[in-house]
Amino acid sequence: MTFFQHAQAIVESPTVGEGTRVWAFAHVLPQAVIGKNCNICDHVFIENHVTLGDRVTVKCGVQIWDGIRIEDDVFIGPNATFTNDPFPRSKQHLGKYPETVIRKGASIGANATILPGITIGTGAMVGAGAVVTHSVPPYAVVAGNPARILRYVTDSDSKAPISARASTPTTPSIVDGVELLRVPLIKDLRGNLIARELGKGLPFTPQRFFLIFDVPSKEVRGEHAHRECAQLLVCLKGSVAVVCDDGKQRQEFLLDDPTVALHLPRMVWGTQYKYTADAVLLVLASHPYDAGDYLRNYDDFLVARRRHDESK
């Protein structure tokens, strides 16, 4: 035996990875697949059609039912509750259970409830006691009932988001190619004026534009990257938070000043959230609309971004 099994644990599965520890009163059914160096704590039940990756921690009192797939380096807090039937009835069983996926590096807090058929994104964090009713984007931090996005995990978590209003022409970004661009503001008694000539003072000549407004504050937009298209984001009114991700580093910006544009280059994942009720976001795009230019799955983006970096 290459894994540790407590004398009072029941492990029926032959597929348990090297270095995994299964503690007292845990029960693993025969068809479950458990990776290497996992920690299965007391009073955990793992059903048959379940897969756990490597280095997964499952704290006490958790039941993992058929149809749940957990990737590498996931943490599951005590008494977290998974479900696999959206409309359960006694003695009535589904022919196939909806797949619930917990992506690599995600964490689920104590007593959280995860509804069936959703995905908890890479690196996401679910707060203690949250009731998760919809899929959670990569690196989002959610809490509450129903769970809502509070913020995103970034590489500058000890700092507040960079505010466009407080930025300078030399405000640095840790995300590859992302920058804040300040444009001149002309003020007089008649009001304020911002102007730019196409092709002058911009990183590209815009080929199209669109406006986003009347977005409920709880909603998230963006959540994609472009293979070729670059964008400039300007919040004309109100404010909106934008998270930029180059596959290695993430940083959050608060667009709260119409004289500042956020340059989002190609092959950078962008997410917008925390729209104020009056927010109006202008987006200038370097290319005409092309559905094939979008990368809407974060894992696909990471693969494409890696190839992009290797080709430089």
Protein backbone atom coordinates (compact mmCIF):
# COMPACT_ATOMS: atom_id res chain seq x y z
CA MET A 1 0.00 0.00 0.00
CA THR A 2 1.50 3.34 -1.10
CA PHE A 3 -1.00 5.48 0.81
CA PHE A 4 -1.93 5.76 4.48
CA GLN A 5 -5.26 4.33 5.66
CA HIS A 6 -6.37 4.76 9.26
CA ALA A 7 -7.45 1.52 10.89
CA GLN A 8 -11.00 2.83 11.19
CA ALA A 9 -11.28 4.09 7.60
CA ILE A 10 -12.93 2.13 4.79
CA VAL A 11 -11.19 2.40 1.42
CA GLU A 12 -12.79 0.16 -1.23
CA SER A 13 -11.20 1.87 -4.23
CA PRO A 14 -8.01 0.40 -5.69
CA THR A 15 -7.19 3.76 -7.26
CA VAL A 16 -5.69 5.91 -4.53
CA GLY A 17 -2.50 7.83 -5.24
CA GLU A 18 0.83 7.56 -3.52
CA GLY A 19 1.22 9.64 -0.38
CA THR A 20 -2.52 10.17 0.14
CA ARG A 21 -3.79 9.95 3.73
CA VAL A 22 -7.28 8.68 4.60
CA TRP A 23 -8.25 9.27 8.21
CA ALA A 24 -10.69 7.68 10.68
CA PHE A 25 -14.32 7.01 9.71
CA ALA A 26 -13.78 8.11 6.11
CA HIS A 27 -15.39 5.88 3.47
CA VAL A 28 -14.24 5.72 -0.15
CA LEU A 29 -16.41 3.66 -2.54
CA PRO A 30 -14.90 1.23 -5.11
CA GLN A 31 -14.98 3.31 -8.30
CA ALA A 32 -13.70 6.58 -6.86
CA VAL A 33 -10.36 7.84 -8.20
CA ILE A 34 -8.12 9.74 -5.78
CA GLY A 35 -4.82 11.34 -6.77
CA LYS A 36 -1.47 11.65 -5.04
CA ASN A 37 -0.73 13.36 -1.73
CA CYS A 38 -4.36 14.06 -0.87
CA ASN A 39 -5.59 14.50 2.71
CA ILE A 40 -8.99 12.92 3.37
CA CYS A 41 -10.01 13.85 6.90
CA ASP A 42 -12.37 12.20 9.42
CA HIS A 43 -16.00 11.45 8.49
CA VAL A 44 -15.58 12.08 4.75
CA PHE A 45 -17.70 10.05 2.30
CA ILE A 46 -16.62 9.73 -1.34
CA GLU A 47 -19.08 8.08 -3.75
CA ASN A 48 -18.29 6.01 -6.85
CA HIS A 49 -18.25 8.38 -9.84
CA VAL A 50 -15.91 10.89 -8.24
CA THR A 51 -12.45 12.02 -9.27
CA LEU A 52 -10.00 13.86 -7.04
CA GLY A 53 -6.76 15.27 -8.44
CA ASP A 54 -3.43 15.51 -6.66
CA ARG A 55 -2.84 17.37 -3.38
CA VAL A 56 -6.54 17.82 -2.63
CA THR A 57 -7.51 18.51 0.99
CA VAL A 58 -10.98 17.44 2.12
CA LYS A 59 -11.70 18.47 5.70
CA CYS A 60 -14.01 16.70 8.14
CA GLY A 61 -17.69 16.07 7.48
CA VAL A 62 -17.72 16.42 3.67
CA GLN A 63 -19.68 14.15 1.33
CA ILE A 64 -18.62 14.05 -2.32
CA TRP A 65 -21.35 12.54 -4.50
CA ASP A 66 -21.46 10.96 -7.96
CA GLY A 67 -20.75 13.40 -10.78
CA ILE A 68 -18.28 15.61 -8.91
CA ARG A 69 -14.80 16.18 -10.33
CA ILE A 70 -12.16 17.94 -8.27
CA GLU A 71 -8.89 19.02 -9.87
CA ASP A 72 -5.41 19.41 -8.36
CA ASP A 73 -4.59 21.56 -5.30
CA VAL A 74 -8.19 22.15 -4.21
CA PHE A 75 -9.09 22.87 -0.57
CA ILE A 76 -12.53 21.87 0.73
CA GLY A 77 -13.40 23.17 4.19
CA PRO A 78 -15.22 21.28 6.95
CA ASN A 79 -18.88 20.41 6.38
CA ALA A 80 -18.95 21.90 2.88
CA THR A 81 -21.98 20.42 1.10
CA PHE A 82 -22.07 19.20 -2.50
CA THR A 83 -25.31 18.34 -4.31
CA ASN A 84 -25.87 16.38 -7.51
CA ASP A 85 -29.64 16.39 -8.10
CA PRO A 86 -31.45 19.70 -8.70
CA PHE A 87 -34.86 18.18 -7.85
CA PRO A 88 -34.34 15.14 -5.59
CA ARG A 89 -37.11 12.70 -4.71
CA SER A 90 -36.91 9.71 -2.41
CA LYS A 91 -36.16 6.46 -4.27
CA GLN A 92 -35.94 8.30 -7.60
CA HIS A 93 -32.48 8.44 -9.17
CA LEU A 94 -31.14 10.28 -12.19
CA GLY A 95 -29.83 8.24 -15.11
CA LYS A 96 -26.85 10.57 -15.24
CA TYR A 97 -25.84 13.13 -12.67
CA PRO A 98 -24.90 16.66 -13.75
CA GLU A 99 -21.16 17.22 -13.58
CA THR A 100 -19.88 19.61 -10.94
CA VAL A 101 -16.26 20.68 -11.46
CA ILE A 102 -13.94 22.30 -8.94
CA ARG A 103 -11.02 23.66 -10.93
CA LYS A 104 -7.36 23.65 -10.01
CA GLY A 105 -6.35 25.64 -6.94
CA ALA A 106 -9.88 26.62 -5.87
CA SER A 107 -10.87 26.79 -2.21
CA ILE A 108 -14.29 26.16 -0.67
CA GLY A 109 -14.96 27.49 2.81
CA ALA A 110 -16.59 25.70 5.74
CA ASN A 111 -20.33 25.01 5.46
CA ALA A 112 -20.57 26.29 1.89
CA THR A 113 -23.23 24.68 -0.32
CA ILE A 114 -22.50 23.96 -3.98
CA LEU A 115 -25.50 23.36 -6.25
CA PRO A 116 -25.24 20.67 -8.98
CA GLY A 117 -23.87 21.16 -12.46
CA ILE A 118 -21.76 24.25 -11.85
CA THR A 119 -18.04 24.98 -12.16
CA ILE A 120 -15.89 26.67 -9.53
CA GLY A 121 -13.17 28.33 -11.59
CA THR A 122 -9.41 28.04 -11.31
CA GLY A 123 -8.09 29.69 -8.16
CA ALA A 124 -11.54 30.88 -7.05
CA MET A 125 -12.44 31.20 -3.37
CA VAL A 126 -15.88 30.40 -1.96
CA GLY A 127 -16.54 31.99 1.43
CA ALA A 128 -17.70 30.07 4.49
CA GLY A 129 -21.44 29.49 4.48
CA ALA A 130 -21.93 30.64 0.88
CA VAL A 131 -24.69 29.11 -1.22
CA VAL A 132 -23.29 28.85 -4.75
CA THR A 133 -26.10 28.77 -7.32
CA HIS A 134 -24.12 29.72 -10.46
CA SER A 135 -20.68 28.93 -11.83
CA VAL A 136 -17.87 30.98 -10.31
CA PRO A 137 -15.33 32.65 -12.65
CA PRO A 138 -11.60 31.93 -12.31
CA TYR A 139 -10.00 33.71 -9.33
CA ALA A 140 -13.30 35.22 -8.17
CA VAL A 141 -13.98 35.55 -4.43
CA VAL A 142 -17.66 34.85 -3.68
CA ALA A 143 -19.73 34.87 -0.49
CA GLY A 144 -23.32 35.13 0.69
CA ASN A 145 -26.66 33.50 -0.11
CA PRO A 146 -26.89 33.42 -3.05
CA ALA A 147 -23.15 33.80 -3.52
CA ARG A 148 -22.04 37.03 -5.21
CA ILE A 149 -18.63 38.16 -6.39
CA LEU A 150 -16.92 40.36 -3.82
CA ARG A 151 -13.64 40.79 -5.62
CA TYR A 152 -10.99 38.87 -7.53
CA VAL A 153 -7.76 37.29 -6.33
CA THR A 154 -4.94 39.34 -7.83
CA ASP A 155 -1.17 39.52 -7.51
CA SER A 156 -1.52 42.82 -5.65
CA ASP A 157 -4.05 41.63 -3.05
CA SER A 158 -2.43 43.66 -0.30
CA LYS A 159 -3.24 46.84 -2.25
CA ALA A 160 -6.46 48.50 -3.30
CA PRO A 161 -7.32 48.41 -7.03
CA ILE A 162 -5.50 51.04 -9.07
CA SER A 163 -7.90 53.95 -9.46
CA ALA A 164 -7.94 55.74 -12.79
CA ARG A 165 -8.69 58.97 -10.95
CA ALA A 166 -5.54 58.65 -8.84
CA SER A 167 -3.30 57.38 -11.65
CA THR A 168 -0.44 59.24 -13.28
CA PRO A 169 0.94 58.99 -16.83
CA THR A 170 3.57 56.61 -15.44
CA THR A 171 1.34 54.39 -13.28
CA PRO A 172 2.86 50.92 -13.78
CA SER A 173 0.96 47.69 -14.39
CA ILE A 174 2.25 44.24 -13.59
CA VAL A 175 0.12 42.72 -16.38
CA ASP A 176 1.88 42.44 -19.73
CA GLY A 177 0.96 45.29 -22.08
CA VAL A 178 -1.79 46.78 -19.89
CA GLU A 179 -1.57 50.52 -19.20
CA LEU A 180 -3.64 53.50 -18.16
CA LEU A 181 -3.59 56.35 -20.68
CA ARG A 182 -4.57 59.84 -19.59
CA VAL A 183 -6.01 62.21 -22.18
CA PRO A 184 -6.09 66.02 -21.93
CA LEU A 185 -9.13 67.58 -20.25
CA ILE A 186 -10.14 71.08 -21.35
CA LYS A 187 -12.20 73.01 -18.78
CA ASP A 188 -13.96 76.35 -19.03
CA LEU A 189 -17.18 77.97 -17.83
CA ARG A 190 -19.19 76.13 -20.49
CA GLY A 191 -18.16 72.68 -19.22
CA ASN A 192 -15.48 70.06 -19.86
CA LEU A 193 -14.14 68.71 -23.15
CA ILE A 194 -12.08 65.60 -23.97
CA ALA A 195 -10.88 65.11 -27.55
CA ARG A 196 -8.56 62.83 -29.50
CA GLU A 197 -7.93 62.49 -33.22
CA LEU A 198 -8.08 58.95 -34.59
CA GLY A 199 -4.59 57.68 -35.24
CA LYS A 200 -3.01 60.27 -32.93
CA GLY A 201 -2.28 59.63 -29.29
CA LEU A 202 -3.95 56.22 -29.24
CA PRO A 203 -2.23 52.80 -29.31
CA PHE A 204 -4.32 51.82 -32.36
CA THR A 205 -6.84 53.26 -34.81
CA PRO A 206 -10.29 52.13 -33.65
CA GLN A 207 -12.36 50.08 -36.10
CA ARG A 208 -15.50 49.94 -33.98
CA PHE A 209 -16.91 51.01 -30.63
CA PHE A 210 -19.66 49.95 -28.27
CA LEU A 211 -21.22 51.22 -25.04
CA ILE A 212 -22.16 49.19 -21.96
CA PHE A 213 -24.64 50.69 -19.49
CA ASP A 214 -27.56 49.85 -17.18
CA VAL A 215 -25.65 46.84 -15.86
CA PRO A 216 -26.90 45.57 -12.46
CA SER A 217 -24.07 45.82 -9.95
CA LYS A 218 -24.13 42.08 -9.27
CA GLU A 219 -23.49 41.15 -12.90
CA VAL A 220 -20.11 40.34 -14.44
CA ARG A 221 -19.22 41.12 -18.05
CA GLY A 222 -16.23 40.51 -20.26
CA GLU A 223 -14.67 37.27 -19.06
CA HIS A 224 -12.78 36.69 -22.29
CA ALA A 225 -9.64 37.51 -24.23
CA HIS A 226 -9.02 38.31 -27.89
CA ARG A 227 -6.50 36.62 -30.14
CA GLU A 228 -5.87 39.78 -32.19
CA CYS A 229 -8.17 42.59 -31.09
CA ALA A 230 -6.97 45.22 -28.62
CA GLN A 231 -9.33 47.48 -26.69
CA LEU A 232 -9.46 50.82 -24.92
CA LEU A 233 -11.93 51.03 -22.04
CA VAL A 234 -13.14 54.42 -20.80
CA CYS A 235 -15.80 54.81 -18.12
CA LEU A 236 -17.65 57.95 -19.22
CA LYS A 237 -19.83 58.05 -16.14
CA GLY A 238 -19.88 56.27 -12.80
CA SER A 239 -17.30 53.56 -12.25
CA VAL A 240 -16.52 49.94 -13.05
CA ALA A 241 -13.79 47.56 -11.88
CA VAL A 242 -11.71 45.72 -14.49
CA VAL A 243 -9.48 42.72 -13.75
CA CYS A 244 -6.68 42.10 -16.27
CA ASP A 245 -4.90 38.73 -16.47
CA ASP A 246 -1.99 37.75 -18.73
CA GLY A 247 -1.98 34.13 -17.59
CA LYS A 248 0.76 34.76 -15.05
CA GLN A 249 -0.25 37.89 -13.18
CA ARG A 250 -3.55 39.62 -12.44
CA GLN A 251 -4.31 43.19 -11.45
CA GLU A 252 -7.50 45.13 -10.79
CA PHE A 253 -8.22 48.65 -12.00
CA LEU A 254 -11.05 50.96 -11.01
CA LEU A 255 -12.19 53.03 -13.99
CA ASP A 256 -13.67 56.11 -12.30
CA ASP A 257 -12.37 58.98 -14.44
CA PRO A 258 -13.44 59.70 -18.05
CA THR A 259 -10.05 61.26 -18.81
CA VAL A 260 -8.29 57.90 -18.36
CA ALA A 261 -8.46 54.93 -20.75
CA LEU A 262 -7.40 51.39 -19.90
CA HIS A 263 -5.46 49.78 -22.74
CA LEU A 264 -6.28 46.07 -22.84
CA PRO A 265 -3.98 44.49 -25.46
CA ARG A 266 -4.55 41.27 -27.36
CA MET A 267 -4.13 38.01 -25.43
CA VAL A 268 -5.06 39.51 -22.06
CA TRP A 269 -8.08 38.14 -20.21
CA GLY A 270 -10.42 40.94 -19.12
CA THR A 271 -13.29 40.87 -16.63
CA GLN A 272 -15.56 43.78 -15.67
CA TYR A 273 -17.67 43.91 -12.54
CA LYS A 274 -18.87 46.24 -9.77
CA TYR A 275 -20.69 48.52 -12.19
CA THR A 276 -22.28 51.48 -10.44
CA ALA A 277 -25.93 52.06 -11.32
CA ASP A 278 -25.02 55.06 -13.49
CA ALA A 279 -21.93 53.52 -15.15
CA VAL A 280 -21.45 54.03 -18.89
CA LEU A 281 -18.46 52.18 -20.33
CA LEU A 282 -17.10 53.08 -23.79
CA VAL A 283 -15.02 50.42 -25.52
CA LEU A 284 -12.90 51.19 -28.60
CA ALA A 285 -11.74 48.12 -30.53
CA SER A 286 -8.82 47.77 -32.92
CA HIS A 287 -10.60 45.24 -35.16
CA PRO A 288 -14.10 44.66 -36.55
CA TYR A 289 -16.22 42.11 -34.74
CA ASP A 290 -15.11 38.51 -35.30
CA ALA A 291 -16.63 35.74 -33.19
CA GLY A 292 -13.60 33.54 -33.90
CA ASP A 293 -11.28 36.08 -32.30
CA TYR A 294 -12.73 35.45 -28.84
CA LEU A 295 -11.25 33.13 -26.22
CA ARG A 296 -14.14 32.55 -23.82
CA ASN A 297 -12.82 29.57 -21.85
CA TYR A 298 -10.09 30.43 -19.37
CA ASP A 299 -8.25 27.13 -19.82
CA ASP A 300 -8.20 27.65 -23.60
CA PHE A 301 -6.87 31.15 -23.00
CA LEU A 302 -4.01 29.83 -20.85
CA VAL A 303 -2.98 27.42 -23.62
CA ALA A 304 -3.16 30.15 -26.28
CA ARG A 305 -1.32 32.62 -24.07
CA ARG A 306 1.48 30.12 -23.46
CA ARG A 307 1.90 29.66 -27.21
CA HIS A 308 1.81 33.42 -27.68
CA ASP A 309 4.61 33.91 -25.14
CA GLU A 310 6.71 31.13 -26.64
CA SER A 311 6.44 32.71 -30.11
CA LYS A 312 7.87 36.06 -28.97
